[in-house]
Amino acid sequence: MSVRRLVRRMIEKALRVQVIPIGHLALAFEWEHLRRFFTHFAIDCVFDVGANAGQYATMLRTRVGYRGPIISYEPIPELATKIRAAAALDGGWFVEELALDAVEGHATFNVFASDPFSSLHAASAAAEQQFPTHLRLERRIDVRTGTLANELARYQARLGFKRPFLKMDTQGHDVSVAVGAGDRLRDLVGLQSELAIGRLYVDAPGYAEALEFYRGRGFELSALVPNNLSHFPRLLEIDGIMFRQDGPG
């Protein structure tokens, strides 16, 4: 931990405040909203799909104050290894080197120069033109795919949770992940999904199509959070935080 971050944490703990770095106000809104959401809905397990290097799980621990189990899914081997190292001292953080999809099997995964952009989808021509450095294809790897339905069943048998929350950040593949939950999608209390304002990936649904899919399965919007602060002034993607009124009792 850097000296600056350590000092910030000390100030926050001593004064019971949050010190927000310049340019990160939208992130603070996400932290606060998730804190209220997790408390209100008594979330007792988080499925972190498209974990990258574990940033979301770390944010839940350090900013949201969530202490329940987290299962992080990341198909890029070196990133999965990095998450395992971060989770080594956290008995409630589980790591799966797996891509979630609509079906089980294997798939080709595109690893781009900026790994957060990596996806089961190819980059669109417009996105490649707009972000030639970030979306430079470095390699393609064969990955194992699983379904959320099977993962929910497997971990529920292991952990006994009752009020799970799903976070997805799969670069154009969130709806396919949700499709893979089948009827078990109704077991989720809430979800957080990346919604595309601009089409960065081939064959990926736009935000209106994705919202229609979730609403058709009983989810309602709780918040919209911009998640591409580094691309100001463009709004390329936004996270939708959603809940089910008829979720698990």
C-alpha atoms as a PDB file:
ATOM      1  CA  MET A   1       0.000   0.000   0.000  1.00  0.00           C
ATOM      2  CA  SER A   2       1.364   3.426  -0.964  1.00  0.00           C
ATOM      3  CA  VAL A   3       2.037   6.071   1.679  1.00  0.00           C
ATOM      4  CA  ARG A   4      -0.676   8.278   0.177  1.00  0.00           C
ATOM      5  CA  ARG A   5      -3.263   5.501   0.360  1.00  0.00           C
ATOM      6  CA  LEU A   6      -2.200   4.610   3.896  1.00  0.00           C
ATOM      7  CA  VAL A   7      -2.604   8.224   5.039  1.00  0.00           C
ATOM      8  CA  ARG A   8      -6.012   8.391   3.352  1.00  0.00           C
ATOM      9  CA  ARG A   9      -7.169   5.232   5.132  1.00  0.00           C
ATOM     10  CA  MET A  10      -5.939   6.590   8.468  1.00  0.00           C
ATOM     11  CA  ILE A  11      -7.862   9.851   7.967  1.00  0.00           C
ATOM     12  CA  GLU A  12     -10.993   7.956   6.940  1.00  0.00           C
ATOM     13  CA  LYS A  13     -10.814   5.685   9.977  1.00  0.00           C
ATOM     14  CA  ALA A  14     -10.075   8.485  12.436  1.00  0.00           C
ATOM     15  CA  LEU A  15     -12.764  10.878  11.176  1.00  0.00           C
ATOM     16  CA  ARG A  16     -15.258   8.277   9.879  1.00  0.00           C
ATOM     17  CA  VAL A  17     -15.344   9.951   6.477  1.00  0.00           C
ATOM     18  CA  GLN A  18     -14.497   8.975   2.912  1.00  0.00           C
ATOM     19  CA  VAL A  19     -11.660  10.812   1.187  1.00  0.00           C
ATOM     20  CA  ILE A  20     -12.540  10.894  -2.514  1.00  0.00           C
ATOM     21  CA  PRO A  21      -9.655  11.341  -4.990  1.00  0.00           C
ATOM     22  CA  ILE A  22     -10.190  14.115  -7.542  1.00  0.00           C
ATOM     23  CA  GLY A  23     -12.095  12.799 -10.546  1.00  0.00           C
ATOM     24  CA  HIS A  24     -13.537   9.786  -8.700  1.00  0.00           C
ATOM     25  CA  LEU A  25     -16.870  11.126  -7.427  1.00  0.00           C
ATOM     26  CA  ALA A  26     -18.854   8.671  -9.583  1.00  0.00           C
ATOM     27  CA  LEU A  27     -17.006   5.803  -7.908  1.00  0.00           C
ATOM     28  CA  ALA A  28     -17.970   7.143  -4.498  1.00  0.00           C
ATOM     29  CA  PHE A  29     -21.622   7.113  -5.567  1.00  0.00           C
ATOM     30  CA  GLU A  30     -21.252   3.445  -6.525  1.00  0.00           C
ATOM     31  CA  TRP A  31     -19.643   2.603  -3.169  1.00  0.00           C
ATOM     32  CA  GLU A  32     -22.373   4.322  -1.183  1.00  0.00           C
ATOM     33  CA  HIS A  33     -25.194   2.882  -3.260  1.00  0.00           C
ATOM     34  CA  LEU A  34     -23.852  -0.662  -2.998  1.00  0.00           C
ATOM     35  CA  ARG A  35     -23.404  -0.229   0.753  1.00  0.00           C
ATOM     36  CA  ARG A  36     -27.080   0.709   1.101  1.00  0.00           C
ATOM     37  CA  PHE A  37     -28.173  -1.947  -1.395  1.00  0.00           C
ATOM     38  CA  PHE A  38     -26.258  -4.783   0.288  1.00  0.00           C
ATOM     39  CA  THR A  39     -27.590  -3.788   3.705  1.00  0.00           C
ATOM     40  CA  HIS A  40     -31.183  -3.300   2.553  1.00  0.00           C
ATOM     41  CA  PHE A  41     -31.343  -6.608   0.682  1.00  0.00           C
ATOM     42  CA  ALA A  42     -29.155  -8.542   3.155  1.00  0.00           C
ATOM     43  CA  ILE A  43     -26.826  -9.794   0.417  1.00  0.00           C
ATOM     44  CA  ASP A  44     -24.981 -12.890   1.628  1.00  0.00           C
ATOM     45  CA  CYS A  45     -22.954 -13.945  -1.446  1.00  0.00           C
ATOM     46  CA  VAL A  46     -21.531 -12.158  -4.506  1.00  0.00           C
ATOM     47  CA  PHE A  47     -20.791 -13.751  -7.889  1.00  0.00           C
ATOM     48  CA  ASP A  48     -18.095 -11.533  -9.432  1.00  0.00           C
ATOM     49  CA  VAL A  49     -18.123 -12.473 -13.140  1.00  0.00           C
ATOM     50  CA  GLY A  50     -15.388 -10.917 -15.261  1.00  0.00           C
ATOM     51  CA  ALA A  51     -13.163 -10.172 -12.305  1.00  0.00           C
ATOM     52  CA  ASN A  52     -10.073  -8.972 -14.217  1.00  0.00           C
ATOM     53  CA  ALA A  53      -7.493  -8.446 -11.419  1.00  0.00           C
ATOM     54  CA  GLY A  54     -10.007  -8.510  -8.554  1.00  0.00           C
ATOM     55  CA  GLN A  55     -10.785  -4.809  -8.386  1.00  0.00           C
ATOM     56  CA  TYR A  56     -14.504  -5.234  -7.704  1.00  0.00           C
ATOM     57  CA  ALA A  57     -14.035  -7.730  -4.883  1.00  0.00           C
ATOM     58  CA  THR A  58     -11.387  -5.486  -3.319  1.00  0.00           C
ATOM     59  CA  MET A  59     -13.769  -2.524  -3.573  1.00  0.00           C
ATOM     60  CA  LEU A  60     -16.518  -4.525  -1.832  1.00  0.00           C
ATOM     61  CA  ARG A  61     -14.164  -5.294   1.042  1.00  0.00           C
ATOM     62  CA  THR A  62     -12.525  -1.880   1.429  1.00  0.00           C
ATOM     63  CA  ARG A  63     -15.277   0.547   0.370  1.00  0.00           C
ATOM     64  CA  VAL A  64     -18.619  -1.207   0.746  1.00  0.00           C
ATOM     65  CA  GLY A  65     -17.772  -3.082   3.926  1.00  0.00           C
ATOM     66  CA  TYR A  66     -19.157  -6.385   2.639  1.00  0.00           C
ATOM     67  CA  ARG A  67     -17.726  -9.364   4.547  1.00  0.00           C
ATOM     68  CA  GLY A  68     -19.623 -12.307   3.045  1.00  0.00           C
ATOM     69  CA  PRO A  69     -18.365 -14.780   0.433  1.00  0.00           C
ATOM     70  CA  ILE A  70     -17.263 -13.616  -3.022  1.00  0.00           C
ATOM     71  CA  ILE A  71     -16.697 -15.946  -5.993  1.00  0.00           C
ATOM     72  CA  SER A  72     -14.573 -14.289  -8.698  1.00  0.00           C
ATOM     73  CA  TYR A  73     -14.525 -15.643 -12.257  1.00  0.00           C
ATOM     74  CA  GLU A  74     -11.633 -14.737 -14.569  1.00  0.00           C
ATOM     75  CA  PRO A  75     -10.557 -16.809 -17.610  1.00  0.00           C
ATOM     76  CA  ILE A  76      -7.159 -15.177 -18.329  1.00  0.00           C
ATOM     77  CA  PRO A  77      -4.663 -17.426 -16.476  1.00  0.00           C
ATOM     78  CA  GLU A  78      -2.222 -14.743 -15.322  1.00  0.00           C
ATOM     79  CA  LEU A  79      -5.057 -12.560 -13.988  1.00  0.00           C
ATOM     80  CA  ALA A  80      -6.662 -15.513 -12.201  1.00  0.00           C
ATOM     81  CA  THR A  81      -3.267 -16.151 -10.571  1.00  0.00           C
ATOM     82  CA  LYS A  82      -3.098 -12.504  -9.502  1.00  0.00           C
ATOM     83  CA  ILE A  83      -6.550 -12.702  -7.917  1.00  0.00           C
ATOM     84  CA  ARG A  84      -5.627 -15.898  -6.062  1.00  0.00           C
ATOM     85  CA  ALA A  85      -2.654 -14.072  -4.551  1.00  0.00           C
ATOM     86  CA  ALA A  86      -4.899 -11.199  -3.434  1.00  0.00           C
ATOM     87  CA  ALA A  87      -7.438 -13.653  -2.012  1.00  0.00           C
ATOM     88  CA  ALA A  88      -4.894 -15.828  -0.211  1.00  0.00           C
ATOM     89  CA  LEU A  89      -5.543 -14.230   3.188  1.00  0.00           C
ATOM     90  CA  ASP A  90      -9.305 -13.884   2.675  1.00  0.00           C
ATOM     91  CA  GLY A  91     -11.069 -17.114   3.564  1.00  0.00           C
ATOM     92  CA  GLY A  92     -14.314 -15.913   2.027  1.00  0.00           C
ATOM     93  CA  TRP A  93     -12.930 -15.064  -1.416  1.00  0.00           C
ATOM     94  CA  PHE A  94     -12.986 -17.911  -3.979  1.00  0.00           C
ATOM     95  CA  VAL A  95     -11.415 -17.778  -7.440  1.00  0.00           C
ATOM     96  CA  GLU A  96     -12.464 -19.708 -10.547  1.00  0.00           C
ATOM     97  CA  GLU A  97     -10.385 -19.672 -13.747  1.00  0.00           C
ATOM     98  CA  LEU A  98     -13.498 -19.912 -15.885  1.00  0.00           C
ATOM     99  CA  ALA A  99     -15.546 -17.898 -18.379  1.00  0.00           C
ATOM    100  CA  LEU A 100     -19.291 -17.951 -17.803  1.00  0.00           C
ATOM    101  CA  ASP A 101     -21.496 -18.285 -20.862  1.00  0.00           C
ATOM    102  CA  ALA A 102     -24.937 -19.441 -21.991  1.00  0.00           C
ATOM    103  CA  VAL A 103     -23.622 -23.016 -22.327  1.00  0.00           C
ATOM    104  CA  GLU A 104     -20.792 -25.162 -20.981  1.00  0.00           C
ATOM    105  CA  GLY A 105     -17.840 -26.083 -23.168  1.00  0.00           C
ATOM    106  CA  HIS A 106     -14.847 -24.236 -24.599  1.00  0.00           C
ATOM    107  CA  ALA A 107     -14.505 -20.942 -26.438  1.00  0.00           C
ATOM    108  CA  THR A 108     -11.897 -18.650 -27.952  1.00  0.00           C
ATOM    109  CA  PHE A 109     -11.175 -15.634 -25.759  1.00  0.00           C
ATOM    110  CA  ASN A 110      -9.671 -12.415 -27.188  1.00  0.00           C
ATOM    111  CA  VAL A 111      -6.936 -10.915 -25.015  1.00  0.00           C
ATOM    112  CA  PHE A 112      -6.389  -7.245 -25.863  1.00  0.00           C
ATOM    113  CA  ALA A 113      -3.432  -4.992 -25.049  1.00  0.00           C
ATOM    114  CA  SER A 114      -5.469  -3.398 -22.237  1.00  0.00           C
ATOM    115  CA  ASP A 115      -6.651  -6.512 -20.434  1.00  0.00           C
ATOM    116  CA  PRO A 116      -9.869  -5.001 -18.967  1.00  0.00           C
ATOM    117  CA  PHE A 117     -11.142  -4.855 -22.581  1.00  0.00           C
ATOM    118  CA  SER A 118     -10.560  -8.603 -23.162  1.00  0.00           C
ATOM    119  CA  SER A 119     -13.671 -10.468 -24.245  1.00  0.00           C
ATOM    120  CA  LEU A 120     -15.274 -13.499 -25.841  1.00  0.00           C
ATOM    121  CA  HIS A 121     -16.364 -10.986 -28.496  1.00  0.00           C
ATOM    122  CA  ALA A 122     -14.229  -9.401 -31.190  1.00  0.00           C
ATOM    123  CA  ALA A 123     -13.834  -5.636 -31.045  1.00  0.00           C
ATOM    124  CA  SER A 124     -16.024  -3.646 -33.412  1.00  0.00           C
ATOM    125  CA  ALA A 125     -14.385  -1.722 -36.253  1.00  0.00           C
ATOM    126  CA  ALA A 126     -15.505   1.581 -34.711  1.00  0.00           C
ATOM    127  CA  ALA A 127     -13.981   0.634 -31.344  1.00  0.00           C
ATOM    128  CA  GLU A 128     -10.685  -0.421 -32.935  1.00  0.00           C
ATOM    129  CA  GLN A 129     -10.513   2.935 -34.687  1.00  0.00           C
ATOM    130  CA  GLN A 130     -11.384   4.831 -31.512  1.00  0.00           C
ATOM    131  CA  PHE A 131      -9.065   2.840 -29.178  1.00  0.00           C
ATOM    132  CA  PRO A 132      -6.294   1.424 -31.387  1.00  0.00           C
ATOM    133  CA  THR A 133      -3.879   0.982 -28.458  1.00  0.00           C
ATOM    134  CA  HIS A 134      -6.281  -0.506 -25.918  1.00  0.00           C
ATOM    135  CA  LEU A 135      -7.973  -2.858 -28.388  1.00  0.00           C
ATOM    136  CA  ARG A 136      -4.868  -4.171 -30.108  1.00  0.00           C
ATOM    137  CA  LEU A 137      -5.335  -7.950 -30.167  1.00  0.00           C
ATOM    138  CA  GLU A 138      -2.385  -9.596 -28.420  1.00  0.00           C
ATOM    139  CA  ARG A 139      -3.465 -13.234 -28.544  1.00  0.00           C
ATOM    140  CA  ARG A 140      -6.388 -15.629 -28.533  1.00  0.00           C
ATOM    141  CA  ILE A 141      -6.636 -18.324 -25.892  1.00  0.00           C
ATOM    142  CA  ASP A 142      -8.853 -21.357 -25.470  1.00  0.00           C
ATOM    143  CA  VAL A 143     -10.919 -21.069 -22.299  1.00  0.00           C
ATOM    144  CA  ARG A 144     -13.289 -23.329 -20.430  1.00  0.00           C
ATOM    145  CA  THR A 145     -16.868 -22.057 -20.200  1.00  0.00           C
ATOM    146  CA  GLY A 146     -19.452 -22.807 -17.533  1.00  0.00           C
ATOM    147  CA  THR A 147     -22.972 -21.663 -16.754  1.00  0.00           C
ATOM    148  CA  LEU A 148     -24.183 -19.509 -13.905  1.00  0.00           C
ATOM    149  CA  ALA A 149     -26.929 -22.069 -13.185  1.00  0.00           C
ATOM    150  CA  ASN A 150     -24.340 -24.726 -12.385  1.00  0.00           C
ATOM    151  CA  GLU A 151     -22.111 -22.337 -10.438  1.00  0.00           C
ATOM    152  CA  LEU A 152     -25.023 -21.102  -8.323  1.00  0.00           C
ATOM    153  CA  ALA A 153     -26.011 -24.687  -7.503  1.00  0.00           C
ATOM    154  CA  ARG A 154     -22.444 -25.769  -6.755  1.00  0.00           C
ATOM    155  CA  TYR A 155     -21.619 -22.876  -4.448  1.00  0.00           C
ATOM    156  CA  GLN A 156     -24.997 -22.821  -2.753  1.00  0.00           C
ATOM    157  CA  ALA A 157     -24.455 -26.443  -1.747  1.00  0.00           C
ATOM    158  CA  ARG A 158     -21.040 -25.447  -0.418  1.00  0.00           C
ATOM    159  CA  LEU A 159     -21.832 -22.119   1.262  1.00  0.00           C
ATOM    160  CA  GLY A 160     -25.555 -22.248   1.985  1.00  0.00           C
ATOM    161  CA  PHE A 161     -26.279 -18.665   0.934  1.00  0.00           C
ATOM    162  CA  LYS A 162     -29.857 -17.457   0.462  1.00  0.00           C
ATOM    163  CA  ARG A 163     -29.604 -13.935  -0.969  1.00  0.00           C
ATOM    164  CA  PRO A 164     -26.980 -13.847  -3.765  1.00  0.00           C
ATOM    165  CA  PHE A 165     -25.980 -10.845  -5.873  1.00  0.00           C
ATOM    166  CA  LEU A 166     -24.526 -11.051  -9.396  1.00  0.00           C
ATOM    167  CA  LYS A 167     -21.962  -8.599 -10.732  1.00  0.00           C
ATOM    168  CA  MET A 168     -21.032  -8.881 -14.431  1.00  0.00           C
ATOM    169  CA  ASP A 169     -18.301  -7.040 -16.322  1.00  0.00           C
ATOM    170  CA  THR A 170     -17.659  -9.318 -19.292  1.00  0.00           C
ATOM    171  CA  GLN A 171     -17.170  -6.805 -22.101  1.00  0.00           C
ATOM    172  CA  GLY A 172     -20.246  -7.419 -24.200  1.00  0.00           C
ATOM    173  CA  HIS A 173     -21.191 -10.835 -22.797  1.00  0.00           C
ATOM    174  CA  ASP A 174     -23.287 -10.039 -19.694  1.00  0.00           C
ATOM    175  CA  VAL A 175     -26.637 -11.041 -21.200  1.00  0.00           C
ATOM    176  CA  SER A 176     -25.200 -14.405 -22.297  1.00  0.00           C
ATOM    177  CA  VAL A 177     -23.978 -14.967 -18.718  1.00  0.00           C
ATOM    178  CA  ALA A 178     -27.493 -14.225 -17.434  1.00  0.00           C
ATOM    179  CA  VAL A 179     -29.020 -16.561 -20.040  1.00  0.00           C
ATOM    180  CA  GLY A 180     -26.768 -19.281 -18.632  1.00  0.00           C
ATOM    181  CA  ALA A 181     -28.512 -18.910 -15.267  1.00  0.00           C
ATOM    182  CA  GLY A 182     -31.763 -20.229 -16.759  1.00  0.00           C
ATOM    183  CA  ASP A 183     -34.589 -20.384 -14.217  1.00  0.00           C
ATOM    184  CA  ARG A 184     -32.103 -19.807 -11.405  1.00  0.00           C
ATOM    185  CA  LEU A 185     -31.904 -16.138 -12.390  1.00  0.00           C
ATOM    186  CA  ARG A 186     -34.944 -15.656 -10.137  1.00  0.00           C
ATOM    187  CA  ASP A 187     -32.827 -16.782  -7.155  1.00  0.00           C
ATOM    188  CA  LEU A 188     -30.790 -13.565  -7.384  1.00  0.00           C
ATOM    189  CA  VAL A 189     -31.732 -10.671  -5.123  1.00  0.00           C
ATOM    190  CA  GLY A 190     -29.989  -8.219  -7.439  1.00  0.00           C
ATOM    191  CA  LEU A 191     -27.406  -7.753 -10.137  1.00  0.00           C
ATOM    192  CA  GLN A 192     -24.954  -5.239 -11.571  1.00  0.00           C
ATOM    193  CA  SER A 193     -24.406  -5.316 -15.320  1.00  0.00           C
ATOM    194  CA  GLU A 194     -22.286  -3.288 -17.704  1.00  0.00           C
ATOM    195  CA  LEU A 195     -24.556  -1.602 -20.279  1.00  0.00           C
ATOM    196  CA  ALA A 196     -23.127  -0.517 -23.628  1.00  0.00           C
ATOM    197  CA  ILE A 197     -23.902   3.017 -24.776  1.00  0.00           C
ATOM    198  CA  GLY A 198     -21.387   2.689 -27.616  1.00  0.00           C
ATOM    199  CA  ARG A 199     -20.911  -0.652 -29.419  1.00  0.00           C
ATOM    200  CA  LEU A 200     -17.385  -1.735 -28.557  1.00  0.00           C
ATOM    201  CA  TYR A 201     -17.872  -5.405 -29.461  1.00  0.00           C
ATOM    202  CA  VAL A 202     -19.292  -7.367 -32.370  1.00  0.00           C
ATOM    203  CA  ASP A 203     -22.678  -8.998 -31.714  1.00  0.00           C
ATOM    204  CA  ALA A 204     -22.954  -7.472 -28.234  1.00  0.00           C
ATOM    205  CA  PRO A 205     -26.339  -6.073 -27.125  1.00  0.00           C
ATOM    206  CA  GLY A 206     -26.788  -2.355 -26.584  1.00  0.00           C
ATOM    207  CA  TYR A 207     -28.012  -0.869 -23.321  1.00  0.00           C
ATOM    208  CA  ALA A 208     -31.696  -0.751 -24.366  1.00  0.00           C
ATOM    209  CA  GLU A 209     -31.706  -4.401 -25.433  1.00  0.00           C
ATOM    210  CA  ALA A 210     -29.932  -5.495 -22.256  1.00  0.00           C
ATOM    211  CA  LEU A 211     -32.288  -3.515 -20.001  1.00  0.00           C
ATOM    212  CA  GLU A 212     -35.279  -5.004 -21.796  1.00  0.00           C
ATOM    213  CA  PHE A 213     -33.860  -8.496 -21.169  1.00  0.00           C
ATOM    214  CA  TYR A 214     -33.372  -7.884 -17.425  1.00  0.00           C
ATOM    215  CA  ARG A 215     -36.731  -6.171 -16.986  1.00  0.00           C
ATOM    216  CA  GLY A 216     -38.420  -9.049 -18.771  1.00  0.00           C
ATOM    217  CA  ARG A 217     -37.026 -11.330 -16.074  1.00  0.00           C
ATOM    218  CA  GLY A 218     -38.272  -9.304 -13.142  1.00  0.00           C
ATOM    219  CA  PHE A 219     -35.406  -6.882 -12.433  1.00  0.00           C
ATOM    220  CA  GLU A 220     -35.890  -3.170 -11.843  1.00  0.00           C
ATOM    221  CA  LEU A 221     -33.316  -0.379 -11.909  1.00  0.00           C
ATOM    222  CA  SER A 222     -31.904   0.871  -8.636  1.00  0.00           C
ATOM    223  CA  ALA A 223     -29.040   3.004 -10.001  1.00  0.00           C
ATOM    224  CA  LEU A 224     -26.998   3.845 -13.089  1.00  0.00           C
ATOM    225  CA  VAL A 225     -23.276   4.408 -12.554  1.00  0.00           C
ATOM    226  CA  PRO A 226     -20.815   5.658 -15.237  1.00  0.00           C
ATOM    227  CA  ASN A 227     -17.862   3.280 -15.381  1.00  0.00           C
ATOM    228  CA  ASN A 228     -15.535   4.690 -18.029  1.00  0.00           C
ATOM    229  CA  LEU A 229     -14.111   7.745 -16.297  1.00  0.00           C
ATOM    230  CA  SER A 230     -10.821   7.438 -18.190  1.00  0.00           C
ATOM    231  CA  HIS A 231     -12.591   8.159 -21.506  1.00  0.00           C
ATOM    232  CA  PHE A 232     -14.082  11.542 -20.578  1.00  0.00           C
ATOM    233  CA  PRO A 233     -16.013  13.243 -22.135  1.00  0.00           C
ATOM    234  CA  ARG A 234     -17.466  10.174 -23.900  1.00  0.00           C
ATOM    235  CA  LEU A 235     -19.986   7.980 -22.101  1.00  0.00           C
ATOM    236  CA  LEU A 236     -19.276   4.545 -23.553  1.00  0.00           C
ATOM    237  CA  GLU A 237     -20.666   2.246 -20.868  1.00  0.00           C
ATOM    238  CA  ILE A 238     -22.705   2.513 -17.710  1.00  0.00           C
ATOM    239  CA  ASP A 239     -23.360   0.022 -14.923  1.00  0.00           C
ATOM    240  CA  GLY A 240     -26.953  -0.784 -14.097  1.00  0.00           C
ATOM    241  CA  ILE A 241     -27.588  -1.895 -10.499  1.00  0.00           C
ATOM    242  CA  MET A 242     -30.892  -3.769 -10.363  1.00  0.00           C
ATOM    243  CA  PHE A 243     -33.104  -5.609  -7.873  1.00  0.00           C
ATOM    244  CA  ARG A 244     -35.957  -8.098  -7.932  1.00  0.00           C
ATOM    245  CA  GLN A 245     -39.112  -7.163  -6.039  1.00  0.00           C
ATOM    246  CA  ASP A 246     -40.104 -10.833  -5.987  1.00  0.00           C
ATOM    247  CA  GLY A 247     -36.626 -12.044  -5.034  1.00  0.00           C
ATOM    248  CA  PRO A 248     -35.861 -14.636  -2.347  1.00  0.00           C
ATOM    249  CA  GLY A 249     -37.649 -13.915   0.898  1.00  0.00           C
END
